[in-house]
Amino acid sequence: MTGISPTDNVMAIRNAILQKNAALRDVASTGSVGGANAPNGTAPGTAPGGFTEALNNALQQVNGLQGKAGEAAAAFERGETTDIAAVMLAKQQASVSFEATLQVRNKLLSAYKDIMSMPV
């Protein structure tokens, strides 16, 4: 059997998630995401590579994963591939990434509502 097994794929995804978590933890601990340390006196969130760009990149990744999952499912339905494990893994990746994005959106909306309800 040639290629990478589904277990290897899952482990690779797990390692990538752990690396991203560590990178996010490092960024959060140094406070280098906008704020008072923003370069050239720019407003928080407008620094190059800031929050808006990170959010756009995350949304593009989620969209890409959903597209790949749809293509894999369509290829399986057409009989072009018989690897149901790969199709299901792609669908689960897309589902988990969408759920995570949805949770981030909910937290942002909640934070916005809290800020807007604060007395001035």
N, C-alpha and C. Protein backbone atom coordinates (compact mmCIF):
# COMPACT_ATOMS: atom_id res chain seq x y z
N MET A 1 0.86 -1.19 0.00
CA MET A 1 0.00 0.00 0.00
C MET A 1 0.89 1.24 0.00
N THR A 2 0.64 2.14 -0.91
CA THR A 2 1.45 3.35 -1.01
C THR A 2 0.68 4.53 -0.46
N GLY A 3 1.41 5.60 -0.19
CA GLY A 3 0.76 6.81 0.29
C GLY A 3 0.80 6.91 1.80
N ILE A 4 0.12 7.91 2.28
CA ILE A 4 0.08 8.19 3.71
C ILE A 4 -1.22 7.63 4.28
N SER A 5 -1.10 6.94 5.40
CA SER A 5 -2.30 6.35 6.01
C SER A 5 -3.14 7.45 6.66
N PRO A 6 -4.43 7.19 6.85
CA PRO A 6 -5.30 8.17 7.52
C PRO A 6 -4.81 8.53 8.92
N THR A 7 -4.21 7.57 9.61
CA THR A 7 -3.69 7.84 10.94
C THR A 7 -2.56 8.86 10.88
N ASP A 8 -1.69 8.73 9.88
CA ASP A 8 -0.60 9.69 9.71
C ASP A 8 -1.16 11.08 9.40
N ASN A 9 -2.23 11.13 8.60
CA ASN A 9 -2.85 12.42 8.29
C ASN A 9 -3.40 13.08 9.55
N VAL A 10 -4.08 12.31 10.37
CA VAL A 10 -4.65 12.84 11.61
C VAL A 10 -3.55 13.34 12.53
N MET A 11 -2.48 12.57 12.64
CA MET A 11 -1.36 12.98 13.50
C MET A 11 -0.70 14.24 12.96
N ALA A 12 -0.59 14.37 11.64
CA ALA A 12 0.00 15.57 11.06
C ALA A 12 -0.87 16.79 11.34
N ILE A 13 -2.19 16.62 11.24
CA ILE A 13 -3.12 17.71 11.54
C ILE A 13 -3.02 18.09 13.01
N ARG A 14 -2.95 17.09 13.88
CA ARG A 14 -2.82 17.34 15.32
C ARG A 14 -1.55 18.14 15.62
N ASN A 15 -0.44 17.72 15.00
CA ASN A 15 0.82 18.44 15.22
C ASN A 15 0.73 19.88 14.72
N ALA A 16 0.08 20.09 13.58
CA ALA A 16 -0.07 21.45 13.05
C ALA A 16 -0.91 22.31 14.00
N ILE A 17 -1.96 21.72 14.57
CA ILE A 17 -2.81 22.46 15.51
C ILE A 17 -2.01 22.82 16.76
N LEU A 18 -1.22 21.88 17.27
CA LEU A 18 -0.41 22.16 18.45
C LEU A 18 0.61 23.26 18.19
N GLN A 19 1.20 23.26 17.00
CA GLN A 19 2.17 24.30 16.65
C GLN A 19 1.49 25.66 16.55
N LYS A 20 0.31 25.71 15.97
CA LYS A 20 -0.42 26.98 15.86
C LYS A 20 -0.83 27.48 17.24
N ASN A 21 -1.26 26.57 18.10
CA ASN A 21 -1.61 26.97 19.46
C ASN A 21 -0.42 27.55 20.19
N ALA A 22 0.75 26.93 20.04
CA ALA A 22 1.95 27.43 20.69
C ALA A 22 2.31 28.81 20.14
N ALA A 23 2.17 28.99 18.82
CA ALA A 23 2.48 30.30 18.22
C ALA A 23 1.51 31.36 18.72
N LEU A 24 0.24 31.02 18.83
CA LEU A 24 -0.75 31.97 19.34
C LEU A 24 -0.48 32.30 20.80
N ARG A 25 -0.08 31.32 21.57
CA ARG A 25 0.25 31.55 22.97
C ARG A 25 1.44 32.49 23.10
N ASP A 26 2.45 32.31 22.22
CA ASP A 26 3.62 33.19 22.24
C ASP A 26 3.24 34.62 21.90
N VAL A 27 2.38 34.78 20.88
CA VAL A 27 1.94 36.12 20.48
C VAL A 27 1.15 36.78 21.60
N ALA A 28 0.27 36.01 22.23
CA ALA A 28 -0.55 36.57 23.31
C ALA A 28 0.30 36.95 24.51
N SER A 29 1.33 36.19 24.80
CA SER A 29 2.15 36.49 25.98
C SER A 29 3.06 37.69 25.75
N THR A 30 3.45 37.95 24.50
CA THR A 30 4.31 39.10 24.23
C THR A 30 3.51 40.36 23.98
N GLY A 31 2.21 40.22 23.73
CA GLY A 31 1.36 41.38 23.51
C GLY A 31 1.67 42.12 22.23
N SER A 32 2.06 41.41 21.19
CA SER A 32 2.47 42.07 19.96
C SER A 32 1.35 42.21 18.95
N VAL A 33 0.10 42.11 19.37
CA VAL A 33 -1.02 42.26 18.45
C VAL A 33 -1.65 43.63 18.67
N GLY A 34 -1.11 44.64 18.03
CA GLY A 34 -1.66 46.00 18.14
C GLY A 34 -1.44 46.57 19.52
N GLY A 35 -2.36 47.43 19.98
CA GLY A 35 -2.29 48.01 21.31
C GLY A 35 -1.27 49.11 21.39
N ALA A 36 -0.74 49.35 22.60
CA ALA A 36 0.20 50.44 22.81
C ALA A 36 1.51 50.19 22.10
N ASN A 37 1.82 48.95 21.79
CA ASN A 37 3.07 48.63 21.13
C ASN A 37 2.95 48.63 19.61
N ALA A 38 1.85 49.16 19.09
CA ALA A 38 1.65 49.15 17.65
C ALA A 38 2.69 50.04 16.99
N PRO A 39 3.26 49.60 15.85
CA PRO A 39 4.31 50.37 15.19
C PRO A 39 3.78 51.66 14.58
N ASN A 40 4.59 52.67 14.59
CA ASN A 40 4.31 53.96 13.95
C ASN A 40 3.05 54.63 14.46
N GLY A 41 2.64 54.34 15.67
CA GLY A 41 1.47 54.99 16.25
C GLY A 41 0.16 54.62 15.59
N THR A 42 0.10 53.48 14.92
CA THR A 42 -1.15 53.08 14.29
C THR A 42 -2.12 52.60 15.35
N ALA A 43 -3.37 52.62 15.02
CA ALA A 43 -4.42 52.19 15.94
C ALA A 43 -4.35 50.68 16.13
N PRO A 44 -4.79 50.17 17.27
CA PRO A 44 -4.81 48.73 17.48
C PRO A 44 -5.67 48.05 16.43
N GLY A 45 -5.18 46.91 15.94
CA GLY A 45 -5.92 46.14 14.95
C GLY A 45 -5.65 46.59 13.53
N THR A 46 -4.91 47.70 13.35
CA THR A 46 -4.62 48.15 11.99
C THR A 46 -3.17 47.92 11.61
N ALA A 47 -2.41 47.31 12.51
CA ALA A 47 -1.01 47.03 12.22
C ALA A 47 -0.91 46.00 11.11
N PRO A 48 0.15 46.06 10.31
CA PRO A 48 0.32 45.04 9.27
C PRO A 48 0.32 43.66 9.91
N GLY A 49 -0.45 42.75 9.32
CA GLY A 49 -0.55 41.42 9.87
C GLY A 49 -1.39 41.38 11.13
N GLY A 50 -2.27 42.35 11.28
CA GLY A 50 -3.08 42.46 12.49
C GLY A 50 -4.27 41.54 12.50
N PHE A 51 -5.22 41.88 13.34
CA PHE A 51 -6.38 41.03 13.58
C PHE A 51 -7.21 40.82 12.32
N THR A 52 -7.44 41.89 11.57
CA THR A 52 -8.28 41.78 10.37
C THR A 52 -7.69 40.81 9.37
N GLU A 53 -6.38 40.92 9.16
CA GLU A 53 -5.72 40.02 8.22
C GLU A 53 -5.76 38.57 8.72
N ALA A 54 -5.55 38.38 10.01
CA ALA A 54 -5.60 37.03 10.58
C ALA A 54 -7.00 36.44 10.43
N LEU A 55 -8.02 37.26 10.66
CA LEU A 55 -9.39 36.78 10.52
C LEU A 55 -9.70 36.43 9.07
N ASN A 56 -9.27 37.28 8.15
CA ASN A 56 -9.48 36.98 6.72
C ASN A 56 -8.79 35.69 6.32
N ASN A 57 -7.55 35.49 6.78
CA ASN A 57 -6.82 34.27 6.45
C ASN A 57 -7.54 33.04 7.01
N ALA A 58 -8.03 33.15 8.23
CA ALA A 58 -8.75 32.03 8.85
C ALA A 58 -10.01 31.70 8.06
N LEU A 59 -10.75 32.73 7.66
CA LEU A 59 -11.97 32.49 6.88
C LEU A 59 -11.66 31.86 5.53
N GLN A 60 -10.56 32.30 4.90
CA GLN A 60 -10.16 31.71 3.63
C GLN A 60 -9.77 30.24 3.79
N GLN A 61 -9.09 29.92 4.90
CA GLN A 61 -8.72 28.53 5.16
C GLN A 61 -9.96 27.67 5.37
N VAL A 62 -10.93 28.17 6.12
CA VAL A 62 -12.17 27.42 6.35
C VAL A 62 -12.89 27.21 5.02
N ASN A 63 -12.95 28.25 4.21
CA ASN A 63 -13.59 28.14 2.90
C ASN A 63 -12.87 27.11 2.04
N GLY A 64 -11.56 27.12 2.07
CA GLY A 64 -10.78 26.16 1.29
C GLY A 64 -11.02 24.73 1.75
N LEU A 65 -11.07 24.52 3.07
CA LEU A 65 -11.34 23.18 3.59
C LEU A 65 -12.73 22.70 3.20
N GLN A 66 -13.71 23.60 3.23
CA GLN A 66 -15.05 23.21 2.84
C GLN A 66 -15.11 22.89 1.35
N GLY A 67 -14.38 23.63 0.55
CA GLY A 67 -14.33 23.35 -0.89
C GLY A 67 -13.69 22.00 -1.17
N LYS A 68 -12.58 21.71 -0.48
CA LYS A 68 -11.91 20.42 -0.66
C LYS A 68 -12.81 19.27 -0.22
N ALA A 69 -13.52 19.46 0.88
CA ALA A 69 -14.43 18.41 1.35
C ALA A 69 -15.54 18.17 0.35
N GLY A 70 -16.08 19.24 -0.20
CA GLY A 70 -17.12 19.10 -1.22
C GLY A 70 -16.62 18.39 -2.46
N GLU A 71 -15.40 18.75 -2.88
CA GLU A 71 -14.82 18.09 -4.06
C GLU A 71 -14.56 16.61 -3.80
N ALA A 72 -14.07 16.29 -2.58
CA ALA A 72 -13.80 14.89 -2.24
C ALA A 72 -15.09 14.09 -2.22
N ALA A 73 -16.16 14.67 -1.66
CA ALA A 73 -17.44 13.97 -1.61
C ALA A 73 -18.00 13.77 -3.01
N ALA A 74 -17.88 14.80 -3.84
CA ALA A 74 -18.38 14.68 -5.22
C ALA A 74 -17.59 13.63 -5.99
N ALA A 75 -16.27 13.58 -5.79
CA ALA A 75 -15.45 12.58 -6.48
C ALA A 75 -15.83 11.17 -6.02
N PHE A 76 -16.13 11.02 -4.73
CA PHE A 76 -16.55 9.71 -4.23
C PHE A 76 -17.90 9.32 -4.82
N GLU A 77 -18.81 10.27 -4.91
CA GLU A 77 -20.13 9.99 -5.47
C GLU A 77 -20.05 9.62 -6.94
N ARG A 78 -19.09 10.21 -7.66
CA ARG A 78 -18.91 9.89 -9.08
C ARG A 78 -18.16 8.58 -9.28
N GLY A 79 -17.59 8.04 -8.21
CA GLY A 79 -16.84 6.80 -8.31
C GLY A 79 -15.40 6.99 -8.71
N GLU A 80 -14.90 8.22 -8.66
CA GLU A 80 -13.51 8.50 -9.03
C GLU A 80 -12.54 8.08 -7.94
N THR A 81 -13.02 7.97 -6.71
CA THR A 81 -12.19 7.52 -5.60
C THR A 81 -13.01 6.56 -4.74
N THR A 82 -12.31 5.64 -4.09
CA THR A 82 -13.01 4.69 -3.22
C THR A 82 -12.53 4.82 -1.77
N ASP A 83 -11.75 5.84 -1.48
CA ASP A 83 -11.21 6.03 -0.14
C ASP A 83 -12.20 6.84 0.70
N ILE A 84 -13.14 6.13 1.30
CA ILE A 84 -14.17 6.79 2.10
C ILE A 84 -13.57 7.44 3.34
N ALA A 85 -12.47 6.86 3.86
CA ALA A 85 -11.83 7.43 5.05
C ALA A 85 -11.30 8.84 4.76
N ALA A 86 -10.70 9.01 3.60
CA ALA A 86 -10.18 10.34 3.23
C ALA A 86 -11.32 11.34 3.05
N VAL A 87 -12.42 10.88 2.48
CA VAL A 87 -13.57 11.76 2.28
C VAL A 87 -14.15 12.18 3.63
N MET A 88 -14.31 11.23 4.52
CA MET A 88 -14.87 11.53 5.84
C MET A 88 -13.93 12.42 6.64
N LEU A 89 -12.63 12.20 6.52
CA LEU A 89 -11.66 13.04 7.22
C LEU A 89 -11.74 14.48 6.71
N ALA A 90 -11.85 14.64 5.40
CA ALA A 90 -11.98 15.99 4.83
C ALA A 90 -13.26 16.67 5.31
N LYS A 91 -14.35 15.90 5.36
CA LYS A 91 -15.62 16.46 5.85
C LYS A 91 -15.51 16.86 7.32
N GLN A 92 -14.85 16.04 8.13
CA GLN A 92 -14.70 16.37 9.54
C GLN A 92 -13.79 17.57 9.76
N GLN A 93 -12.72 17.67 8.97
CA GLN A 93 -11.84 18.84 9.06
C GLN A 93 -12.63 20.11 8.76
N ALA A 94 -13.42 20.07 7.72
CA ALA A 94 -14.22 21.23 7.35
C ALA A 94 -15.24 21.54 8.44
N SER A 95 -15.84 20.52 8.99
CA SER A 95 -16.84 20.73 10.03
C SER A 95 -16.23 21.33 11.29
N VAL A 96 -15.10 20.80 11.73
CA VAL A 96 -14.44 21.31 12.93
C VAL A 96 -13.97 22.75 12.72
N SER A 97 -13.40 23.03 11.56
CA SER A 97 -12.92 24.40 11.30
C SER A 97 -14.10 25.38 11.24
N PHE A 98 -15.23 24.95 10.67
CA PHE A 98 -16.39 25.82 10.63
C PHE A 98 -16.94 26.07 12.03
N GLU A 99 -17.01 25.03 12.84
CA GLU A 99 -17.50 25.18 14.22
C GLU A 99 -16.59 26.12 15.02
N ALA A 100 -15.28 25.98 14.83
CA ALA A 100 -14.34 26.87 15.53
C ALA A 100 -14.54 28.32 15.09
N THR A 101 -14.73 28.53 13.81
CA THR A 101 -14.96 29.87 13.28
C THR A 101 -16.27 30.43 13.84
N LEU A 102 -17.27 29.60 13.93
CA LEU A 102 -18.55 30.02 14.47
C LEU A 102 -18.42 30.42 15.94
N GLN A 103 -17.64 29.69 16.70
CA GLN A 103 -17.42 30.03 18.10
C GLN A 103 -16.66 31.34 18.25
N VAL A 104 -15.68 31.58 17.39
CA VAL A 104 -14.95 32.85 17.42
C VAL A 104 -15.89 34.00 17.09
N ARG A 105 -16.74 33.80 16.10
CA ARG A 105 -17.72 34.84 15.75
C ARG A 105 -18.64 35.13 16.93
N ASN A 106 -19.11 34.08 17.58
CA ASN A 106 -20.01 34.27 18.73
C ASN A 106 -19.32 35.03 19.85
N LYS A 107 -18.05 34.73 20.12
CA LYS A 107 -17.31 35.44 21.17
C LYS A 107 -17.10 36.90 20.78
N LEU A 108 -16.79 37.15 19.52
CA LEU A 108 -16.61 38.54 19.07
C LEU A 108 -17.91 39.32 19.19
N LEU A 109 -19.01 38.70 18.81
CA LEU A 109 -20.30 39.36 18.91
C LEU A 109 -20.65 39.64 20.37
N SER A 110 -20.39 38.69 21.23
CA SER A 110 -20.64 38.88 22.65
C SER A 110 -19.78 40.01 23.22
N ALA A 111 -18.52 40.05 22.84
CA ALA A 111 -17.64 41.12 23.31
C ALA A 111 -18.11 42.48 22.80
N TYR A 112 -18.54 42.53 21.56
CA TYR A 112 -19.05 43.78 20.99
C TYR A 112 -20.28 44.26 21.76
N LYS A 113 -21.20 43.33 22.04
CA LYS A 113 -22.40 43.70 22.79
C LYS A 113 -22.05 44.19 24.19
N ASP A 114 -21.08 43.53 24.83
CA ASP A 114 -20.65 43.96 26.16
C ASP A 114 -20.05 45.36 26.12
N ILE A 115 -19.25 45.63 25.13
CA ILE A 115 -18.63 46.96 25.01
C ILE A 115 -19.68 48.01 24.73
N MET A 116 -20.63 47.70 23.87
CA MET A 116 -21.65 48.68 23.51
C MET A 116 -22.62 48.96 24.67
N SER A 117 -22.74 48.02 25.59
CA SER A 117 -23.65 48.23 26.71
C SER A 117 -22.97 48.89 27.91
N MET A 118 -21.69 49.16 27.81
CA MET A 118 -20.96 49.80 28.92
C MET A 118 -21.36 51.28 29.02
N PRO A 119 -21.58 51.74 30.23
CA PRO A 119 -21.87 53.17 30.37
C PRO A 119 -20.60 53.99 30.14
N VAL A 120 -20.80 55.17 29.55
CA VAL A 120 -19.64 56.02 29.25
C VAL A 120 -19.44 57.04 30.33
